[in-house]
Protein backbone atom coordinates (compact mmCIF):
# COMPACT_ATOMS: atom_id res chain seq x y z
CA MET A 1 74.39 76.14 100.32
CA ASP A 2 75.01 72.69 101.84
CA ASN A 3 75.20 72.17 105.60
CA GLU A 4 78.93 71.50 105.57
CA THR A 5 79.70 74.80 103.83
CA LEU A 6 77.31 76.69 106.12
CA LEU A 7 78.89 75.17 109.23
CA ALA A 8 82.36 76.11 108.00
CA GLN A 9 81.25 79.70 107.41
CA VAL A 10 79.59 80.16 110.80
CA THR A 11 82.56 78.51 112.53
CA ASP A 12 84.93 80.99 110.90
CA LYS A 13 82.64 83.85 111.92
CA ALA A 14 82.46 82.59 115.50
CA GLN A 15 86.26 82.31 115.63
CA LEU A 16 86.47 85.99 114.70
CA TRP A 17 84.39 86.77 117.79
CA LEU A 18 86.86 84.78 119.89
CA SER A 19 89.84 86.69 118.52
CA GLY A 20 88.15 90.09 118.43
CA ASN A 21 87.71 92.77 121.07
CA TYR A 22 84.64 91.18 122.64
CA ASP A 23 84.01 90.76 126.37
CA GLU A 24 84.91 87.52 128.11
CA GLU A 25 81.33 86.55 128.92
CA THR A 26 80.45 86.74 125.23
CA LYS A 27 83.53 84.71 124.26
CA LYS A 28 82.63 82.05 126.82
CA GLU A 29 79.18 81.69 125.26
CA VAL A 30 80.71 81.43 121.77
CA ARG A 31 83.20 78.77 122.94
CA GLN A 32 80.34 76.74 124.39
CA MET A 33 78.46 76.84 121.08
CA LEU A 34 81.60 75.75 119.20
CA GLN A 35 82.16 72.85 121.61
CA ASN A 36 78.58 71.58 121.51
CA GLU A 37 78.03 68.54 119.31
CA ASP A 38 74.67 69.95 118.26
CA LYS A 39 75.61 72.88 116.02
CA ARG A 40 72.11 74.24 115.46
CA GLN A 41 72.51 76.97 118.07
CA LEU A 42 75.86 78.02 116.58
CA ILE A 43 74.42 78.15 113.08
CA ASP A 44 71.40 80.17 114.14
CA ALA A 45 73.55 82.62 116.09
CA PHE A 46 75.99 83.32 113.25
CA TYR A 47 74.45 82.41 109.88
CA ARG A 48 73.54 86.05 109.23
CA ASP A 49 73.73 89.51 110.76
CA LEU A 50 70.71 90.67 112.74
CA GLU A 51 69.00 93.06 110.35
CA PHE A 52 68.16 96.63 111.25
CA GLY A 53 64.85 97.16 109.48
CA THR A 54 62.19 99.85 109.37
CA GLY A 55 61.05 98.75 112.83
CA GLY A 56 64.59 98.66 114.22
CA LEU A 57 66.05 95.46 115.65
CA ARG A 58 64.36 92.42 117.13
CA GLY A 59 65.85 89.05 117.97
CA ILE A 60 66.73 86.42 120.54
CA MET A 61 69.23 87.60 123.16
CA GLY A 62 72.67 86.03 123.27
CA ALA A 63 76.11 85.97 121.68
CA GLY A 64 76.38 86.06 117.91
CA SER A 65 75.84 88.29 114.90
CA ASN A 66 72.19 87.19 114.65
CA ARG A 67 71.41 87.93 118.29
CA MET A 68 70.45 90.91 120.42
CA ASN A 69 73.55 91.81 122.43
CA ILE A 70 75.60 94.88 123.30
CA TYR A 71 77.45 94.66 119.98
CA THR A 72 74.45 94.46 117.66
CA VAL A 73 72.72 97.14 119.74
CA GLY A 74 75.96 99.11 119.63
CA ALA A 75 76.16 98.93 115.84
CA ALA A 76 72.55 100.11 115.55
CA THR A 77 73.19 103.05 117.87
CA GLN A 78 76.41 104.03 116.13
CA GLY A 79 74.68 103.92 112.75
CA LEU A 80 71.80 106.03 114.07
CA SER A 81 74.28 108.46 115.63
CA ASN A 82 76.13 108.81 112.33
CA TYR A 83 72.90 109.62 110.52
CA LEU A 84 71.74 112.13 113.14
CA LEU A 85 75.08 113.92 112.92
CA GLN A 86 74.63 114.21 109.15
CA GLU A 87 70.94 115.12 109.15
CA PHE A 88 71.14 117.72 111.93
CA ALA A 89 74.65 119.03 111.31
CA GLU A 90 73.44 122.61 111.73
CA LEU A 91 72.29 122.07 115.33
CA GLU A 92 74.58 123.02 118.18
CA GLN A 93 73.29 120.09 120.26
CA ILE A 94 71.50 116.99 118.97
CA LYS A 95 69.29 115.35 121.60
CA VAL A 96 67.69 111.92 121.98
CA VAL A 97 65.46 110.14 124.51
CA ILE A 98 66.13 106.56 125.64
CA GLY A 99 63.52 104.33 127.27
CA HIS A 100 63.32 100.63 128.00
CA ASP A 101 60.88 97.97 129.13
CA CYS A 102 61.05 95.20 131.75
CA ARG A 103 62.87 92.63 129.63
CA ASN A 104 66.11 91.01 130.69
CA ASN A 105 69.04 93.15 129.50
CA SER A 106 66.83 96.08 128.48
CA ARG A 107 68.44 98.43 131.03
CA LYS A 108 71.92 97.28 130.03
CA PHE A 109 71.16 97.92 126.35
CA ALA A 110 69.71 101.34 127.22
CA GLU A 111 72.83 102.36 129.16
CA ILE A 112 75.17 101.06 126.43
CA SER A 113 73.18 103.08 123.89
CA ALA A 114 73.44 106.17 126.09
CA ASP A 115 77.22 105.76 126.21
CA ILE A 116 77.44 105.47 122.42
CA PHE A 117 75.22 108.46 121.71
CA THR A 118 77.16 110.65 124.15
CA ALA A 119 80.51 109.40 122.82
CA ASN A 120 79.32 110.89 119.54
CA GLY A 121 78.49 114.20 121.20
CA ILE A 122 74.73 113.60 121.33
CA LYS A 123 72.84 114.58 124.50
CA VAL A 124 70.75 111.80 126.05
CA PHE A 125 67.64 112.01 128.20
CA LEU A 126 67.60 108.59 129.86
CA PHE A 127 64.58 107.44 131.83
CA GLU A 128 65.49 106.49 135.39
CA ASP A 129 63.70 103.15 135.10
CA LEU A 130 61.39 101.26 132.77
CA ARG A 131 58.66 103.32 131.09
CA PRO A 132 55.93 102.74 128.47
CA THR A 133 56.74 103.31 124.80
CA PRO A 134 54.07 106.04 124.41
CA GLU A 135 55.79 108.10 127.11
CA VAL A 136 59.08 107.85 125.22
CA SER A 137 57.36 109.19 122.09
CA TYR A 138 55.85 112.01 124.15
CA ALA A 139 59.19 112.87 125.76
CA ILE A 140 60.87 113.22 122.35
CA ARG A 141 58.43 115.98 121.43
CA LYS A 142 58.26 117.53 124.89
CA LEU A 143 62.04 117.88 125.13
CA GLY A 144 62.55 118.97 121.52
CA CYS A 145 64.68 115.97 120.63
CA GLN A 146 65.67 114.83 117.16
CA SER A 147 65.26 111.12 117.82
CA GLY A 148 64.72 108.49 120.47
CA ILE A 149 64.96 104.78 121.02
CA MET A 150 63.02 102.22 123.03
CA LEU A 151 64.55 98.93 124.10
CA THR A 152 61.70 96.44 123.88
CA ALA A 153 60.49 93.40 122.00
CA SER A 154 56.88 94.39 122.58
CA HIS A 155 54.73 91.28 123.16
CA ASN A 156 57.28 88.68 121.95
CA PRO A 157 58.38 85.76 124.17
CA LYS A 158 60.86 86.33 127.00
CA GLU A 159 63.89 85.17 124.98
CA TYR A 160 63.58 88.21 122.73
CA ASN A 161 64.54 91.84 122.95
CA GLY A 162 64.39 94.68 120.47
CA TYR A 163 65.31 98.22 119.55
CA LYS A 164 62.78 100.69 118.16
CA ALA A 165 63.89 104.00 116.65
CA TYR A 166 61.79 107.17 116.65
CA TRP A 167 62.10 110.49 114.84
CA GLU A 168 61.65 114.06 116.09
CA ASP A 169 57.86 113.85 115.74
CA GLY A 170 57.77 110.98 118.26
CA ALA A 171 56.63 108.46 115.66
CA GLN A 172 58.62 105.48 114.44
CA VAL A 173 61.06 106.44 111.72
CA LEU A 174 59.54 106.68 108.22
CA GLY A 175 61.00 107.27 104.75
CA PRO A 176 63.39 108.49 103.64
CA HIS A 177 65.03 108.45 107.07
CA ASP A 178 64.35 104.74 107.69
CA LYS A 179 66.31 103.59 104.63
CA ASN A 180 69.07 106.12 105.30
CA ILE A 181 69.49 104.90 108.89
CA ILE A 182 69.51 101.28 107.73
CA ALA A 183 72.27 102.16 105.25
CA GLU A 184 74.34 103.79 108.01
CA VAL A 185 73.89 100.79 110.32
CA ASN A 186 74.90 98.43 107.52
CA ARG A 187 78.11 100.43 107.00
CA ILE A 188 79.30 99.44 110.49
CA SER A 189 81.56 96.51 109.62
CA SER A 190 83.56 96.18 112.85
CA ILE A 191 83.01 96.78 116.54
CA GLU A 192 86.10 99.00 116.39
CA GLU A 193 83.86 101.57 114.65
CA ILE A 194 81.50 101.72 117.65
CA LYS A 195 82.28 104.44 120.20
CA PHE A 196 81.55 102.81 123.56
CA ASN A 197 83.30 105.36 125.81
CA GLY A 198 80.43 107.60 126.82
CA ASN A 199 80.38 111.12 128.24
CA LYS A 200 78.36 111.07 131.47
CA GLU A 201 78.04 114.87 131.38
CA LEU A 202 75.77 114.52 128.34
CA ILE A 203 73.36 112.13 130.10
CA GLU A 204 70.37 113.62 131.93
CA ILE A 205 68.14 111.29 133.94
CA ILE A 206 64.40 111.92 133.61
CA GLY A 207 61.43 110.38 135.39
CA LYS A 208 58.70 111.68 137.68
CA ASP A 209 58.35 115.14 136.16
CA MET A 210 57.92 113.60 132.71
CA ASP A 211 55.40 111.11 134.11
CA LYS A 212 53.29 113.97 135.47
CA ALA A 213 53.47 115.91 132.21
CA PHE A 214 52.50 112.81 130.23
CA ILE A 215 49.54 111.97 132.48
CA ASP A 216 48.38 115.60 132.27
CA LYS A 217 48.51 115.32 128.48
CA VAL A 218 46.54 112.05 128.55
CA LYS A 219 43.97 113.71 130.81
CA SER A 220 43.57 116.55 128.29
CA PHE A 221 42.39 114.05 125.67
CA VAL A 222 39.27 113.10 127.64
CA LEU A 223 36.33 114.00 125.39
CA SER A 224 33.65 113.95 128.07
CA PRO A 225 34.70 114.48 131.69
CA GLN A 226 31.02 114.28 132.61
CA ALA A 227 30.75 110.78 131.14
CA ILE A 228 33.65 109.66 133.32
CA GLU A 229 32.13 111.40 136.33
CA ASN A 230 28.93 109.46 135.72
CA GLN A 231 30.87 106.18 135.61
CA LYS A 232 33.69 107.00 138.01
CA GLU A 233 32.95 103.99 140.24
CA LEU A 234 33.22 101.57 137.32
CA LYS A 235 35.27 98.63 138.57
CA ILE A 236 38.34 98.27 136.34
CA VAL A 237 40.80 95.41 136.78
CA TYR A 238 44.15 96.31 135.23
CA THR A 239 47.25 94.16 134.68
CA PRO A 240 50.58 95.25 133.18
CA ILE A 241 51.56 91.56 132.67
CA HIS A 242 54.84 92.25 134.51
CA GLY A 243 55.66 95.22 132.26
CA THR A 244 55.97 98.98 132.07
CA GLY A 245 52.27 99.78 132.36
CA ILE A 246 52.48 99.50 136.14
CA LYS A 247 54.49 102.74 136.12
CA LEU A 248 51.71 104.89 134.66
CA ILE A 249 48.40 103.30 133.78
CA PRO A 250 46.85 102.94 137.26
CA ASP A 251 47.79 106.56 137.99
CA ALA A 252 46.48 107.70 134.60
CA LEU A 253 43.14 105.96 135.10
CA LYS A 254 42.78 107.60 138.49
CA ALA A 255 43.87 110.99 137.15
CA ILE A 256 41.13 111.01 134.53
CA GLY A 257 38.54 110.21 137.17
CA PHE A 258 38.14 106.46 137.72
CA THR A 259 38.12 105.73 141.45
CA ASN A 260 37.90 101.94 141.48
CA VAL A 261 41.03 100.57 139.78
CA ILE A 262 41.87 97.03 140.92
CA ASN A 263 45.29 95.44 140.44
CA VAL A 264 46.40 91.85 139.82
CA PRO A 265 49.13 91.42 142.47
CA GLU A 266 50.89 88.46 140.82
CA GLN A 267 51.34 90.44 137.60
CA ASP A 268 52.33 93.75 139.21
CA VAL A 269 55.73 92.12 139.78
CA ILE A 270 58.13 93.56 137.19
CA SER A 271 59.91 90.67 135.46
CA GLY A 272 61.44 89.98 132.08
CA ASP A 273 60.68 86.30 132.61
CA PHE A 274 56.89 86.89 132.54
CA PRO A 275 56.40 84.06 135.06
CA THR A 276 52.59 83.96 135.04
CA VAL A 277 52.04 83.75 131.27
CA ILE A 278 53.28 81.75 128.30
CA SER A 279 53.26 84.89 126.16
CA PRO A 280 52.86 88.51 127.37
CA ASN A 281 50.51 89.38 124.51
CA PRO A 282 47.32 90.93 125.93
CA GLU A 283 45.45 90.06 122.73
CA GLU A 284 45.82 86.36 123.52
CA PRO A 285 43.08 85.05 125.85
CA ALA A 286 45.46 83.07 128.06
CA ALA A 287 47.38 86.23 128.98
CA LEU A 288 44.21 87.62 130.60
CA ASP A 289 43.37 84.52 132.64
CA LEU A 290 44.59 85.91 135.97
CA ALA A 291 43.04 89.31 135.34
CA ILE A 292 39.67 87.79 134.47
CA LYS A 293 39.88 85.59 137.56
CA ARG A 294 40.51 88.76 139.58
CA GLY A 295 37.60 90.42 137.80
CA ILE A 296 35.26 87.61 138.80
CA GLU A 297 36.47 87.73 142.42
CA THR A 298 35.95 91.49 142.68
CA GLU A 299 32.79 91.66 140.54
CA ALA A 300 34.57 94.04 138.18
CA ASP A 301 32.98 95.55 135.09
CA VAL A 302 36.01 95.75 132.81
CA VAL A 303 39.38 94.00 132.52
CA LEU A 304 42.32 95.79 130.86
CA ALA A 305 45.81 94.48 130.10
CA THR A 306 48.87 95.89 128.36
CA ASP A 307 51.94 94.28 126.80
CA PRO A 308 55.45 94.75 128.26
CA ASP A 309 56.02 98.20 126.73
CA ALA A 310 52.36 99.25 127.14
CA ASP A 311 51.64 100.16 123.53
CA ARG A 312 49.22 97.28 122.97
CA ILE A 313 46.05 96.66 124.94
CA GLY A 314 43.70 93.78 125.57
CA ALA A 315 40.26 94.13 127.12
CA ALA A 316 37.38 92.04 128.38
CA ILE A 317 33.87 93.19 129.28
CA ARG A 318 30.86 91.41 130.69
CA ASP A 319 28.24 90.09 128.27
CA ASP A 320 24.49 89.86 128.88
CA GLU A 321 24.98 86.71 130.95
CA GLY A 322 27.61 88.37 133.12
CA ASN A 323 30.56 86.45 131.65
CA PHE A 324 33.74 88.19 130.56
CA ARG A 325 34.24 88.38 126.80
CA LEU A 326 37.40 89.56 125.07
CA VAL A 327 36.91 92.48 122.72
CA ASN A 328 39.07 93.51 119.79
CA GLY A 329 38.99 95.63 116.67
């Protein structure tokens, strides 16, 4: 396809967003893209539909069919709702858990999703605030839910957000359900098919009680309490890199017996802009710079870091010369 044809197609698609039942803020962003002489942003925002794959959605936030916004998130949630209503038709009440990370718009996307689920008659357990992905998986099983979602783009740059779907076992959706959900999402051809008018009576806020239950479960996995007792004064520097880990990991480390957990104040600040790092990926050495600096200052033994939704970890330990070395594998 030549550039002229592509530009004509995306322009027509953008015009549909201007004439459709979209909010004014979205329309303003679309108008700006149409007016810009440089059409690259317009093309990238509309040249395709953001695909719902086996891992859910992931993309740059903004207006457009190829962006993470309330409409693409809405279509994903409506498609998932449709499939849940088919798959669990025999249940009197279908239930889901919704969690989100620290990213910009994550809470908004979580609340929009809660409205759509409940508009479809599905009960929602919505976390009161950001929480780690593993706790969302745990809550699905603990509460006997059929599914759950997590609004996060994991360790991607700040411009991104994402939508992960989970099944009743707390794991990410596998076959045949993954392909069936994708098919349902792809059937949503208009925002008029998305039920945005939620039922607040079907939303239950969860938080501290689930945190305690989750930490108790983590504590039960300790293989050798005596080994931790022997090393309880081990100096551990921990950073959440501005993300969800701050909500649980320091408390979890203390609950299992470590008494010397040291924070990194600059990175305890919850922020979807990740102001102290280029990328919030704890497996990249640069993301651990501040934590290692803190480790040197405090003569720590171990440095730990987690990504924004706390399902990925980075670590550094001291070598024979006393220098911190990143470990992986």
